[in-house]
Amino acid sequence: MPTLPSLPPFLDSTVESSYEAARVVILPIPYEATTTYRKGCESGPEAILAASPQLEYYDVELKRETCFEIGIHTCEPVADTRQQPDLAPERMVETVKETVMRLVADGKFVIALGGEHGISVGVVAAYQELLSEPFTVIQIDAHGDLRHEYEGSIYNHACIMRRVVDMGLPTLPVGIRSICQEEATLINDKQIPVQWAHEIAENPNWIEEAIAQISTQKVFITIDLDGLDPSLMPGVGTPQPGGLSWYDLMRFLRRVFATREVIGCDIMELAPVVDSVVSEFTAAKLVYKLIGYQLASRG
């Protein structure tokens, strides 16, 4: 298989920082092996990066040009199934964990771009290995992702949050609207504080009530893009109606950054739609908003 060219940097080469100078690093992980409905998420990281130069640098909400106040560097992709189509999920998880551990040890704020949601097992495991205190994994998602295994793999994208629960980490699932009986039983048995999408839609106070469920100061945010409503984010593998609106998600994320220490983030499951750039541009703007909220909260 011919070698693919390097992915473009986030935003533009004119604002790309060196690795040494960057406070934020973007880690593309174009991995896809266990998706079960609409394929194509291995192309997600490249699509997000390709869309990002169309962003305005000035953040209207934050009233600042975020990219000129914080160094941003885009790393080379890892666990790329476009290059290694037979890369097993177990090996992917180890590769991702080792890479994220190195970046965090270098003092970087990591935003990982997938790829399928199973990637997040490796990302979260890296933080657990490095940190001496617990942290909460905030999950933006349409699905519970709490199955023990699916289609013969415990690293299937439908099992990511079950692996996190097995790590002994507290979780806060937000926007959930699709689960199976196995997941419903686990949620009840473990008393997982799920923020159901249908309840969010009827509760103007849901953000503060959700944040009150977070028992740790440190949090990691994993975002499956199907957590957003498919009218806003059609380019996902397993769409579900009734997701979060853009401003609901922004208000929630800003409050999380303001009230907790966010240690890292990932954005997963973009599967680009032919002849539409809505999903990848929205995802790119979400990346930029995460960077802006991190800058605003940490100074």
C-alpha atoms as a PDB file:
ATOM      1  CA  MET A   1       0.000   0.000   0.000  1.00  0.00           C
ATOM      2  CA  PRO A   2       1.471   3.426  -0.928  1.00  0.00           C
ATOM      3  CA  THR A   3       2.350   5.796   1.911  1.00  0.00           C
ATOM      4  CA  LEU A   4      -0.288   8.441   2.463  1.00  0.00           C
ATOM      5  CA  PRO A   5       0.826  12.087   2.741  1.00  0.00           C
ATOM      6  CA  SER A   6       1.007  13.685   6.172  1.00  0.00           C
ATOM      7  CA  LEU A   7      -2.204  15.205   7.446  1.00  0.00           C
ATOM      8  CA  PRO A   8      -2.553  18.996   7.361  1.00  0.00           C
ATOM      9  CA  PRO A   9      -2.091  20.923  10.615  1.00  0.00           C
ATOM     10  CA  PHE A  10      -5.073  22.128  12.598  1.00  0.00           C
ATOM     11  CA  LEU A  11      -6.095  25.615  11.404  1.00  0.00           C
ATOM     12  CA  ASP A  12      -3.160  26.509   9.165  1.00  0.00           C
ATOM     13  CA  SER A  13       0.594  26.147   8.872  1.00  0.00           C
ATOM     14  CA  THR A  14       0.963  29.891   9.541  1.00  0.00           C
ATOM     15  CA  VAL A  15      -0.339  29.459  13.100  1.00  0.00           C
ATOM     16  CA  GLU A  16       1.125  25.999  13.739  1.00  0.00           C
ATOM     17  CA  SER A  17       3.513  25.999  16.713  1.00  0.00           C
ATOM     18  CA  SER A  18       6.514  23.782  17.146  1.00  0.00           C
ATOM     19  CA  TYR A  19       5.975  20.789  19.404  1.00  0.00           C
ATOM     20  CA  GLU A  20       8.277  22.305  22.011  1.00  0.00           C
ATOM     21  CA  ALA A  21       6.370  25.615  22.121  1.00  0.00           C
ATOM     22  CA  ALA A  22       2.845  24.169  21.968  1.00  0.00           C
ATOM     23  CA  ARG A  23       0.611  23.916  25.033  1.00  0.00           C
ATOM     24  CA  VAL A  24      -2.054  22.043  23.059  1.00  0.00           C
ATOM     25  CA  VAL A  25      -1.399  19.100  20.753  1.00  0.00           C
ATOM     26  CA  ILE A  26      -3.849  17.579  18.304  1.00  0.00           C
ATOM     27  CA  LEU A  27      -3.380  13.813  17.952  1.00  0.00           C
ATOM     28  CA  PRO A  28      -5.057  12.255  14.880  1.00  0.00           C
ATOM     29  CA  ILE A  29      -5.935   8.566  15.304  1.00  0.00           C
ATOM     30  CA  PRO A  30      -7.484   7.364  12.008  1.00  0.00           C
ATOM     31  CA  TYR A  31      -8.469   3.945  13.320  1.00  0.00           C
ATOM     32  CA  GLU A  32     -11.508   1.942  12.238  1.00  0.00           C
ATOM     33  CA  ALA A  33     -11.976  -1.777  12.780  1.00  0.00           C
ATOM     34  CA  THR A  34     -15.173  -2.430  14.757  1.00  0.00           C
ATOM     35  CA  THR A  35     -17.752   0.016  13.376  1.00  0.00           C
ATOM     36  CA  THR A  36     -21.132  -1.650  12.906  1.00  0.00           C
ATOM     37  CA  TYR A  37     -23.382   0.579  10.786  1.00  0.00           C
ATOM     38  CA  ARG A  38     -22.137   3.402   8.577  1.00  0.00           C
ATOM     39  CA  LYS A  39     -18.405   3.152   7.844  1.00  0.00           C
ATOM     40  CA  GLY A  40     -15.840   5.874   7.227  1.00  0.00           C
ATOM     41  CA  CYS A  41     -14.644   7.191  10.586  1.00  0.00           C
ATOM     42  CA  GLU A  42     -11.006   6.435   9.783  1.00  0.00           C
ATOM     43  CA  SER A  43     -11.299   9.459   7.456  1.00  0.00           C
ATOM     44  CA  GLY A  44     -12.633  11.619  10.290  1.00  0.00           C
ATOM     45  CA  PRO A  45      -9.382  13.124  11.585  1.00  0.00           C
ATOM     46  CA  GLU A  46      -8.225  14.171   8.125  1.00  0.00           C
ATOM     47  CA  ALA A  47     -11.636  15.703   7.347  1.00  0.00           C
ATOM     48  CA  ILE A  48     -11.595  17.738  10.576  1.00  0.00           C
ATOM     49  CA  LEU A  49      -8.091  19.000   9.920  1.00  0.00           C
ATOM     50  CA  ALA A  50      -8.910  19.815   6.281  1.00  0.00           C
ATOM     51  CA  ALA A  51     -11.978  21.804   7.365  1.00  0.00           C
ATOM     52  CA  SER A  52     -10.221  23.722  10.135  1.00  0.00           C
ATOM     53  CA  PRO A  53      -8.589  26.452   7.962  1.00  0.00           C
ATOM     54  CA  GLN A  54     -12.105  27.703   7.219  1.00  0.00           C
ATOM     55  CA  LEU A  55     -12.558  28.702  10.881  1.00  0.00           C
ATOM     56  CA  GLU A  56     -12.324  32.329  11.910  1.00  0.00           C
ATOM     57  CA  TYR A  57      -9.567  32.750  14.487  1.00  0.00           C
ATOM     58  CA  TYR A  58     -11.622  35.212  16.553  1.00  0.00           C
ATOM     59  CA  ASP A  59     -13.928  33.507  19.055  1.00  0.00           C
ATOM     60  CA  VAL A  60     -17.038  35.678  19.379  1.00  0.00           C
ATOM     61  CA  GLU A  61     -18.047  34.150  22.715  1.00  0.00           C
ATOM     62  CA  LEU A  62     -14.605  34.391  24.314  1.00  0.00           C
ATOM     63  CA  LYS A  63     -13.666  37.672  22.576  1.00  0.00           C
ATOM     64  CA  ARG A  64     -10.155  36.561  21.699  1.00  0.00           C
ATOM     65  CA  GLU A  65      -8.106  35.005  18.908  1.00  0.00           C
ATOM     66  CA  THR A  66      -7.394  31.795  20.762  1.00  0.00           C
ATOM     67  CA  CYS A  67      -4.781  30.428  18.383  1.00  0.00           C
ATOM     68  CA  PHE A  68      -2.468  33.428  18.897  1.00  0.00           C
ATOM     69  CA  GLU A  69      -2.559  33.088  22.682  1.00  0.00           C
ATOM     70  CA  ILE A  70      -1.834  29.377  23.000  1.00  0.00           C
ATOM     71  CA  GLY A  71       0.510  27.253  20.918  1.00  0.00           C
ATOM     72  CA  ILE A  72      -1.183  24.475  18.917  1.00  0.00           C
ATOM     73  CA  HIS A  73       0.733  21.634  17.289  1.00  0.00           C
ATOM     74  CA  THR A  74      -0.647  18.773  15.190  1.00  0.00           C
ATOM     75  CA  CYS A  75       1.118  15.449  15.696  1.00  0.00           C
ATOM     76  CA  GLU A  76       1.632  12.749  13.111  1.00  0.00           C
ATOM     77  CA  PRO A  77      -1.196  10.188  13.116  1.00  0.00           C
ATOM     78  CA  VAL A  78      -0.936   6.936  15.041  1.00  0.00           C
ATOM     79  CA  ALA A  79      -2.833   3.628  14.763  1.00  0.00           C
ATOM     80  CA  ASP A  80      -3.776   4.457  11.161  1.00  0.00           C
ATOM     81  CA  THR A  81      -5.842   1.677   9.565  1.00  0.00           C
ATOM     82  CA  ARG A  82      -5.524   3.382   6.206  1.00  0.00           C
ATOM     83  CA  GLN A  83      -1.884   2.263   6.437  1.00  0.00           C
ATOM     84  CA  GLN A  84      -2.357  -0.807   8.659  1.00  0.00           C
ATOM     85  CA  PRO A  85      -5.784  -2.254   7.816  1.00  0.00           C
ATOM     86  CA  ASP A  86      -5.202  -5.352   9.950  1.00  0.00           C
ATOM     87  CA  LEU A  87      -4.194  -3.506  13.127  1.00  0.00           C
ATOM     88  CA  ALA A  88      -5.943  -5.349  15.977  1.00  0.00           C
ATOM     89  CA  PRO A  89      -7.934  -3.317  18.534  1.00  0.00           C
ATOM     90  CA  GLU A  90      -5.736  -4.581  21.382  1.00  0.00           C
ATOM     91  CA  ARG A  91      -2.602  -3.318  19.665  1.00  0.00           C
ATOM     92  CA  MET A  92      -4.286  -0.024  18.800  1.00  0.00           C
ATOM     93  CA  VAL A  93      -5.146   0.550  22.456  1.00  0.00           C
ATOM     94  CA  GLU A  94      -1.525  -0.013  23.512  1.00  0.00           C
ATOM     95  CA  THR A  95      -0.177   2.266  20.765  1.00  0.00           C
ATOM     96  CA  VAL A  96      -2.585   5.043  21.702  1.00  0.00           C
ATOM     97  CA  LYS A  97      -1.835   4.662  25.413  1.00  0.00           C
ATOM     98  CA  GLU A  98       1.929   4.840  24.879  1.00  0.00           C
ATOM     99  CA  THR A  99       1.630   7.885  22.607  1.00  0.00           C
ATOM    100  CA  VAL A 100      -0.695   9.845  24.901  1.00  0.00           C
ATOM    101  CA  MET A 101       1.466   9.040  27.924  1.00  0.00           C
ATOM    102  CA  ARG A 102       4.471  10.564  26.170  1.00  0.00           C
ATOM    103  CA  LEU A 103       2.554  13.707  25.202  1.00  0.00           C
ATOM    104  CA  VAL A 104       1.089  14.227  28.673  1.00  0.00           C
ATOM    105  CA  ALA A 105       4.480  13.593  30.285  1.00  0.00           C
ATOM    106  CA  ASP A 106       5.793  16.428  28.106  1.00  0.00           C
ATOM    107  CA  GLY A 107       3.212  18.741  29.651  1.00  0.00           C
ATOM    108  CA  LYS A 108       0.837  18.892  26.681  1.00  0.00           C
ATOM    109  CA  PHE A 109      -2.943  19.287  26.734  1.00  0.00           C
ATOM    110  CA  VAL A 110      -3.993  16.536  24.326  1.00  0.00           C
ATOM    111  CA  ILE A 111      -7.041  16.578  22.056  1.00  0.00           C
ATOM    112  CA  ALA A 112      -7.277  13.223  20.265  1.00  0.00           C
ATOM    113  CA  LEU A 113      -9.250  12.956  17.012  1.00  0.00           C
ATOM    114  CA  GLY A 114     -10.753   9.644  15.897  1.00  0.00           C
ATOM    115  CA  GLY A 115     -11.592   7.314  14.410  1.00  0.00           C
ATOM    116  CA  GLU A 116     -13.888   4.971  16.246  1.00  0.00           C
ATOM    117  CA  HIS A 117     -14.808   5.459  19.877  1.00  0.00           C
ATOM    118  CA  GLY A 118     -12.890   2.374  21.015  1.00  0.00           C
ATOM    119  CA  ILE A 119      -9.750   4.526  20.676  1.00  0.00           C
ATOM    120  CA  SER A 120     -10.733   6.304  23.889  1.00  0.00           C
ATOM    121  CA  VAL A 121      -9.837   3.208  25.939  1.00  0.00           C
ATOM    122  CA  GLY A 122      -6.172   3.846  25.187  1.00  0.00           C
ATOM    123  CA  VAL A 123      -6.450   7.589  25.776  1.00  0.00           C
ATOM    124  CA  VAL A 124      -8.128   7.208  29.171  1.00  0.00           C
ATOM    125  CA  ALA A 125      -5.742   4.413  30.192  1.00  0.00           C
ATOM    126  CA  ALA A 126      -2.796   6.751  29.582  1.00  0.00           C
ATOM    127  CA  TYR A 127      -4.137   9.328  32.019  1.00  0.00           C
ATOM    128  CA  GLN A 128      -4.934   6.679  34.608  1.00  0.00           C
ATOM    129  CA  GLU A 129      -1.384   5.360  34.368  1.00  0.00           C
ATOM    130  CA  LEU A 130       0.126   8.817  34.852  1.00  0.00           C
ATOM    131  CA  LEU A 131      -2.140  10.401  37.456  1.00  0.00           C
ATOM    132  CA  SER A 132      -1.984   9.647  41.166  1.00  0.00           C
ATOM    133  CA  GLU A 133      -5.587  10.698  41.791  1.00  0.00           C
ATOM    134  CA  PRO A 134      -8.928   9.646  40.299  1.00  0.00           C
ATOM    135  CA  PHE A 135     -10.694  11.584  37.591  1.00  0.00           C
ATOM    136  CA  THR A 136     -14.163  11.483  36.087  1.00  0.00           C
ATOM    137  CA  VAL A 137     -14.739  10.602  32.439  1.00  0.00           C
ATOM    138  CA  ILE A 138     -17.469  12.832  31.026  1.00  0.00           C
ATOM    139  CA  GLN A 139     -19.034  11.103  28.036  1.00  0.00           C
ATOM    140  CA  ILE A 140     -20.987  13.063  25.416  1.00  0.00           C
ATOM    141  CA  ASP A 141     -22.769  10.358  23.432  1.00  0.00           C
ATOM    142  CA  ALA A 142     -26.023   9.039  22.005  1.00  0.00           C
ATOM    143  CA  HIS A 143     -25.250   5.513  23.202  1.00  0.00           C
ATOM    144  CA  GLY A 144     -24.368   3.994  26.542  1.00  0.00           C
ATOM    145  CA  ASP A 145     -21.334   2.117  25.129  1.00  0.00           C
ATOM    146  CA  LEU A 146     -21.514  -0.101  28.226  1.00  0.00           C
ATOM    147  CA  ARG A 147     -21.675  -3.568  26.664  1.00  0.00           C
ATOM    148  CA  HIS A 148     -19.116  -5.997  28.028  1.00  0.00           C
ATOM    149  CA  GLU A 149     -18.332  -7.135  24.481  1.00  0.00           C
ATOM    150  CA  TYR A 150     -19.853  -6.744  21.056  1.00  0.00           C
ATOM    151  CA  GLU A 151     -19.285  -8.814  17.917  1.00  0.00           C
ATOM    152  CA  GLY A 152     -16.588 -10.793  19.691  1.00  0.00           C
ATOM    153  CA  SER A 153     -14.434  -7.908  20.976  1.00  0.00           C
ATOM    154  CA  ILE A 154     -14.271  -6.171  24.349  1.00  0.00           C
ATOM    155  CA  TYR A 155     -12.617  -3.257  22.511  1.00  0.00           C
ATOM    156  CA  ASN A 156     -15.540  -2.707  20.144  1.00  0.00           C
ATOM    157  CA  HIS A 157     -16.685   0.896  19.859  1.00  0.00           C
ATOM    158  CA  ALA A 158     -19.871  -0.160  21.720  1.00  0.00           C
ATOM    159  CA  CYS A 159     -17.819  -1.133  24.788  1.00  0.00           C
ATOM    160  CA  ILE A 160     -15.656   1.920  25.495  1.00  0.00           C
ATOM    161  CA  MET A 161     -17.440   3.093  28.634  1.00  0.00           C
ATOM    162  CA  ARG A 162     -17.651  -0.440  30.036  1.00  0.00           C
ATOM    163  CA  ARG A 163     -13.863  -0.542  29.892  1.00  0.00           C
ATOM    164  CA  VAL A 164     -13.739   2.814  31.710  1.00  0.00           C
ATOM    165  CA  VAL A 165     -16.096   1.516  34.401  1.00  0.00           C
ATOM    166  CA  ASP A 166     -13.880  -1.576  34.703  1.00  0.00           C
ATOM    167  CA  MET A 167     -10.914   0.763  35.302  1.00  0.00           C
ATOM    168  CA  GLY A 168     -12.690   1.927  38.443  1.00  0.00           C
ATOM    169  CA  LEU A 169     -13.167   5.493  37.197  1.00  0.00           C
ATOM    170  CA  PRO A 170     -16.360   7.483  37.829  1.00  0.00           C
ATOM    171  CA  THR A 171     -18.294   8.512  34.723  1.00  0.00           C
ATOM    172  CA  LEU A 172     -20.870  11.108  33.736  1.00  0.00           C
ATOM    173  CA  PRO A 173     -22.717  10.102  30.549  1.00  0.00           C
ATOM    174  CA  VAL A 174     -24.514  13.048  28.896  1.00  0.00           C
ATOM    175  CA  GLY A 175     -27.073  13.007  26.090  1.00  0.00           C
ATOM    176  CA  ILE A 176     -27.667   9.256  26.171  1.00  0.00           C
ATOM    177  CA  ARG A 177     -30.746   8.061  24.296  1.00  0.00           C
ATOM    178  CA  SER A 178     -29.986   4.520  23.100  1.00  0.00           C
ATOM    179  CA  ILE A 179     -29.055   1.506  25.259  1.00  0.00           C
ATOM    180  CA  CYS A 180     -29.674  -2.239  25.453  1.00  0.00           C
ATOM    181  CA  GLN A 181     -30.995  -4.254  28.415  1.00  0.00           C
ATOM    182  CA  GLU A 182     -27.479  -5.253  29.520  1.00  0.00           C
ATOM    183  CA  GLU A 183     -26.534  -1.586  29.729  1.00  0.00           C
ATOM    184  CA  ALA A 184     -29.745  -0.621  31.538  1.00  0.00           C
ATOM    185  CA  THR A 185     -29.015  -3.265  34.180  1.00  0.00           C
ATOM    186  CA  LEU A 186     -25.433  -2.064  34.643  1.00  0.00           C
ATOM    187  CA  ILE A 187     -26.537   1.579  34.936  1.00  0.00           C
ATOM    188  CA  ASN A 188     -28.982   0.589  37.671  1.00  0.00           C
ATOM    189  CA  ASP A 189     -26.567  -1.713  39.506  1.00  0.00           C
ATOM    190  CA  LYS A 190     -23.662   0.770  39.419  1.00  0.00           C
ATOM    191  CA  GLN A 191     -25.899   3.827  39.950  1.00  0.00           C
ATOM    192  CA  ILE A 192     -24.259   5.586  36.994  1.00  0.00           C
ATOM    193  CA  PRO A 193     -25.597   9.182  36.904  1.00  0.00           C
ATOM    194  CA  VAL A 194     -26.766   9.177  33.288  1.00  0.00           C
ATOM    195  CA  GLN A 195     -28.023  12.507  31.952  1.00  0.00           C
ATOM    196  CA  TRP A 196     -30.700  11.216  29.594  1.00  0.00           C
ATOM    197  CA  ALA A 197     -31.345  13.250  26.443  1.00  0.00           C
ATOM    198  CA  HIS A 198     -35.122  13.308  26.919  1.00  0.00           C
ATOM    199  CA  GLU A 199     -34.721  14.668  30.452  1.00  0.00           C
ATOM    200  CA  ILE A 200     -32.189  17.279  29.329  1.00  0.00           C
ATOM    201  CA  ALA A 201     -34.719  18.541  26.784  1.00  0.00           C
ATOM    202  CA  GLU A 202     -37.247  19.230  29.565  1.00  0.00           C
ATOM    203  CA  ASN A 203     -34.956  20.541  32.319  1.00  0.00           C
ATOM    204  CA  PRO A 204     -33.535  24.086  32.099  1.00  0.00           C
ATOM    205  CA  ASN A 205     -31.328  23.360  35.126  1.00  0.00           C
ATOM    206  CA  TRP A 206     -29.744  20.200  33.752  1.00  0.00           C
ATOM    207  CA  ILE A 207     -26.210  21.600  33.434  1.00  0.00           C
ATOM    208  CA  GLU A 208     -25.777  22.497  37.103  1.00  0.00           C
ATOM    209  CA  GLU A 209     -27.475  19.270  38.161  1.00  0.00           C
ATOM    210  CA  ALA A 210     -25.122  17.275  35.932  1.00  0.00           C
ATOM    211  CA  ILE A 211     -22.000  19.017  37.204  1.00  0.00           C
ATOM    212  CA  ALA A 212     -23.122  18.364  40.772  1.00  0.00           C
ATOM    213  CA  GLN A 213     -22.768  14.651  39.994  1.00  0.00           C
ATOM    214  CA  ILE A 214     -19.012  15.005  39.340  1.00  0.00           C
ATOM    215  CA  SER A 215     -17.171  13.841  42.456  1.00  0.00           C
ATOM    216  CA  THR A 216     -13.593  14.613  41.347  1.00  0.00           C
ATOM    217  CA  GLN A 217     -11.778  17.855  40.568  1.00  0.00           C
ATOM    218  CA  LYS A 218     -10.076  16.424  37.487  1.00  0.00           C
ATOM    219  CA  VAL A 219     -12.134  15.331  34.471  1.00  0.00           C
ATOM    220  CA  PHE A 220     -11.497  13.892  31.027  1.00  0.00           C
ATOM    221  CA  ILE A 221     -14.017  14.656  28.257  1.00  0.00           C
ATOM    222  CA  THR A 222     -14.753  12.099  25.541  1.00  0.00           C
ATOM    223  CA  ILE A 223     -17.090  13.250  22.777  1.00  0.00           C
ATOM    224  CA  ASP A 224     -18.776  10.856  20.410  1.00  0.00           C
ATOM    225  CA  LEU A 225     -20.154  13.209  17.790  1.00  0.00           C
ATOM    226  CA  ASP A 226     -23.438  11.319  17.641  1.00  0.00           C
ATOM    227  CA  GLY A 227     -24.127  12.944  21.003  1.00  0.00           C
ATOM    228  CA  LEU A 228     -25.109  15.983  18.958  1.00  0.00           C
ATOM    229  CA  ASP A 229     -28.424  15.961  17.143  1.00  0.00           C
ATOM    230  CA  PRO A 230     -28.016  14.471  13.633  1.00  0.00           C
ATOM    231  CA  SER A 231     -29.641  17.555  12.083  1.00  0.00           C
ATOM    232  CA  LEU A 232     -26.453  19.338  13.172  1.00  0.00           C
ATOM    233  CA  MET A 233     -24.056  16.381  12.898  1.00  0.00           C
ATOM    234  CA  PRO A 234     -25.198  13.966  10.160  1.00  0.00           C
ATOM    235  CA  GLY A 235     -21.714  12.587   9.527  1.00  0.00           C
ATOM    236  CA  VAL A 236     -21.603   9.837  12.143  1.00  0.00           C
ATOM    237  CA  GLY A 237     -21.731   6.069  11.974  1.00  0.00           C
ATOM    238  CA  THR A 238     -24.707   5.435  14.265  1.00  0.00           C
ATOM    239  CA  PRO A 239     -27.013   8.494  14.279  1.00  0.00           C
ATOM    240  CA  GLN A 240     -29.845   8.832  16.797  1.00  0.00           C
ATOM    241  CA  PRO A 241     -32.521  11.548  16.804  1.00  0.00           C
ATOM    242  CA  GLY A 242     -32.921  13.864  19.767  1.00  0.00           C
ATOM    243  CA  GLY A 243     -29.331  14.817  20.565  1.00  0.00           C
ATOM    244  CA  LEU A 244     -27.782  17.907  22.122  1.00  0.00           C
ATOM    245  CA  SER A 245     -27.992  21.249  20.372  1.00  0.00           C
ATOM    246  CA  TRP A 246     -24.821  23.222  19.681  1.00  0.00           C
ATOM    247  CA  TYR A 247     -25.475  25.822  22.381  1.00  0.00           C
ATOM    248  CA  ASP A 248     -26.528  23.237  24.967  1.00  0.00           C
ATOM    249  CA  LEU A 249     -23.208  21.492  24.418  1.00  0.00           C
ATOM    250  CA  MET A 250     -21.223  24.749  24.506  1.00  0.00           C
ATOM    251  CA  ARG A 251     -22.872  25.900  27.752  1.00  0.00           C
ATOM    252  CA  PHE A 252     -22.196  22.542  29.358  1.00  0.00           C
ATOM    253  CA  LEU A 253     -18.567  22.366  28.239  1.00  0.00           C
ATOM    254  CA  ARG A 254     -17.811  25.918  29.331  1.00  0.00           C
ATOM    255  CA  ARG A 255     -19.218  25.231  32.800  1.00  0.00           C
ATOM    256  CA  VAL A 256     -17.173  22.042  33.063  1.00  0.00           C
ATOM    257  CA  PHE A 257     -13.975  23.898  32.167  1.00  0.00           C
ATOM    258  CA  ALA A 258     -14.880  26.686  34.610  1.00  0.00           C
ATOM    259  CA  THR A 259     -15.637  24.409  37.554  1.00  0.00           C
ATOM    260  CA  ARG A 260     -13.251  21.468  37.073  1.00  0.00           C
ATOM    261  CA  GLU A 261      -9.716  20.817  35.848  1.00  0.00           C
ATOM    262  CA  VAL A 262     -10.028  19.280  32.383  1.00  0.00           C
ATOM    263  CA  ILE A 263      -6.980  17.073  31.825  1.00  0.00           C
ATOM    264  CA  GLY A 264      -7.647  16.187  28.174  1.00  0.00           C
ATOM    265  CA  CYS A 265     -10.307  15.589  25.538  1.00  0.00           C
ATOM    266  CA  ASP A 266     -11.108  13.471  22.540  1.00  0.00           C
ATOM    267  CA  ILE A 267     -13.547  13.799  19.649  1.00  0.00           C
ATOM    268  CA  MET A 268     -14.564  10.552  17.976  1.00  0.00           C
ATOM    269  CA  GLU A 269     -16.727   8.946  15.296  1.00  0.00           C
ATOM    270  CA  LEU A 270     -16.835  11.543  12.510  1.00  0.00           C
ATOM    271  CA  ALA A 271     -17.686   9.687   9.281  1.00  0.00           C
ATOM    272  CA  PRO A 272     -17.733  12.346   6.547  1.00  0.00           C
ATOM    273  CA  VAL A 273     -20.786  12.661   4.302  1.00  0.00           C
ATOM    274  CA  VAL A 274     -20.199  12.888   0.560  1.00  0.00           C
ATOM    275  CA  ASP A 275     -20.917  16.369  -0.861  1.00  0.00           C
ATOM    276  CA  SER A 276     -21.352  17.964   2.578  1.00  0.00           C
ATOM    277  CA  VAL A 277     -18.877  19.704   4.862  1.00  0.00           C
ATOM    278  CA  VAL A 278     -21.310  20.461   7.701  1.00  0.00           C
ATOM    279  CA  SER A 279     -20.138  17.678  10.007  1.00  0.00           C
ATOM    280  CA  GLU A 280     -16.395  18.128   9.646  1.00  0.00           C
ATOM    281  CA  PHE A 281     -16.594  21.919   9.914  1.00  0.00           C
ATOM    282  CA  THR A 282     -18.767  21.632  13.037  1.00  0.00           C
ATOM    283  CA  ALA A 283     -16.295  19.145  14.519  1.00  0.00           C
ATOM    284  CA  ALA A 284     -13.373  21.472  13.718  1.00  0.00           C
ATOM    285  CA  LYS A 285     -15.170  24.339  15.446  1.00  0.00           C
ATOM    286  CA  LEU A 286     -15.773  22.084  18.436  1.00  0.00           C
ATOM    287  CA  VAL A 287     -12.026  21.416  18.656  1.00  0.00           C
ATOM    288  CA  TYR A 288     -11.353  25.158  18.597  1.00  0.00           C
ATOM    289  CA  LYS A 289     -13.967  25.785  21.288  1.00  0.00           C
ATOM    290  CA  LEU A 290     -12.340  23.162  23.538  1.00  0.00           C
ATOM    291  CA  ILE A 291      -9.000  24.911  23.093  1.00  0.00           C
ATOM    292  CA  GLY A 292     -10.600  28.269  23.843  1.00  0.00           C
ATOM    293  CA  TYR A 293     -12.320  27.021  26.983  1.00  0.00           C
ATOM    294  CA  GLN A 294      -9.065  25.480  28.177  1.00  0.00           C
ATOM    295  CA  LEU A 295      -7.253  28.780  27.630  1.00  0.00           C
ATOM    296  CA  ALA A 296      -9.992  30.760  29.377  1.00  0.00           C
ATOM    297  CA  SER A 297     -10.073  28.429  32.372  1.00  0.00           C
ATOM    298  CA  ARG A 298      -6.330  27.998  32.904  1.00  0.00           C
ATOM    299  CA  GLY A 299      -5.059  31.420  31.821  1.00  0.00           C
END
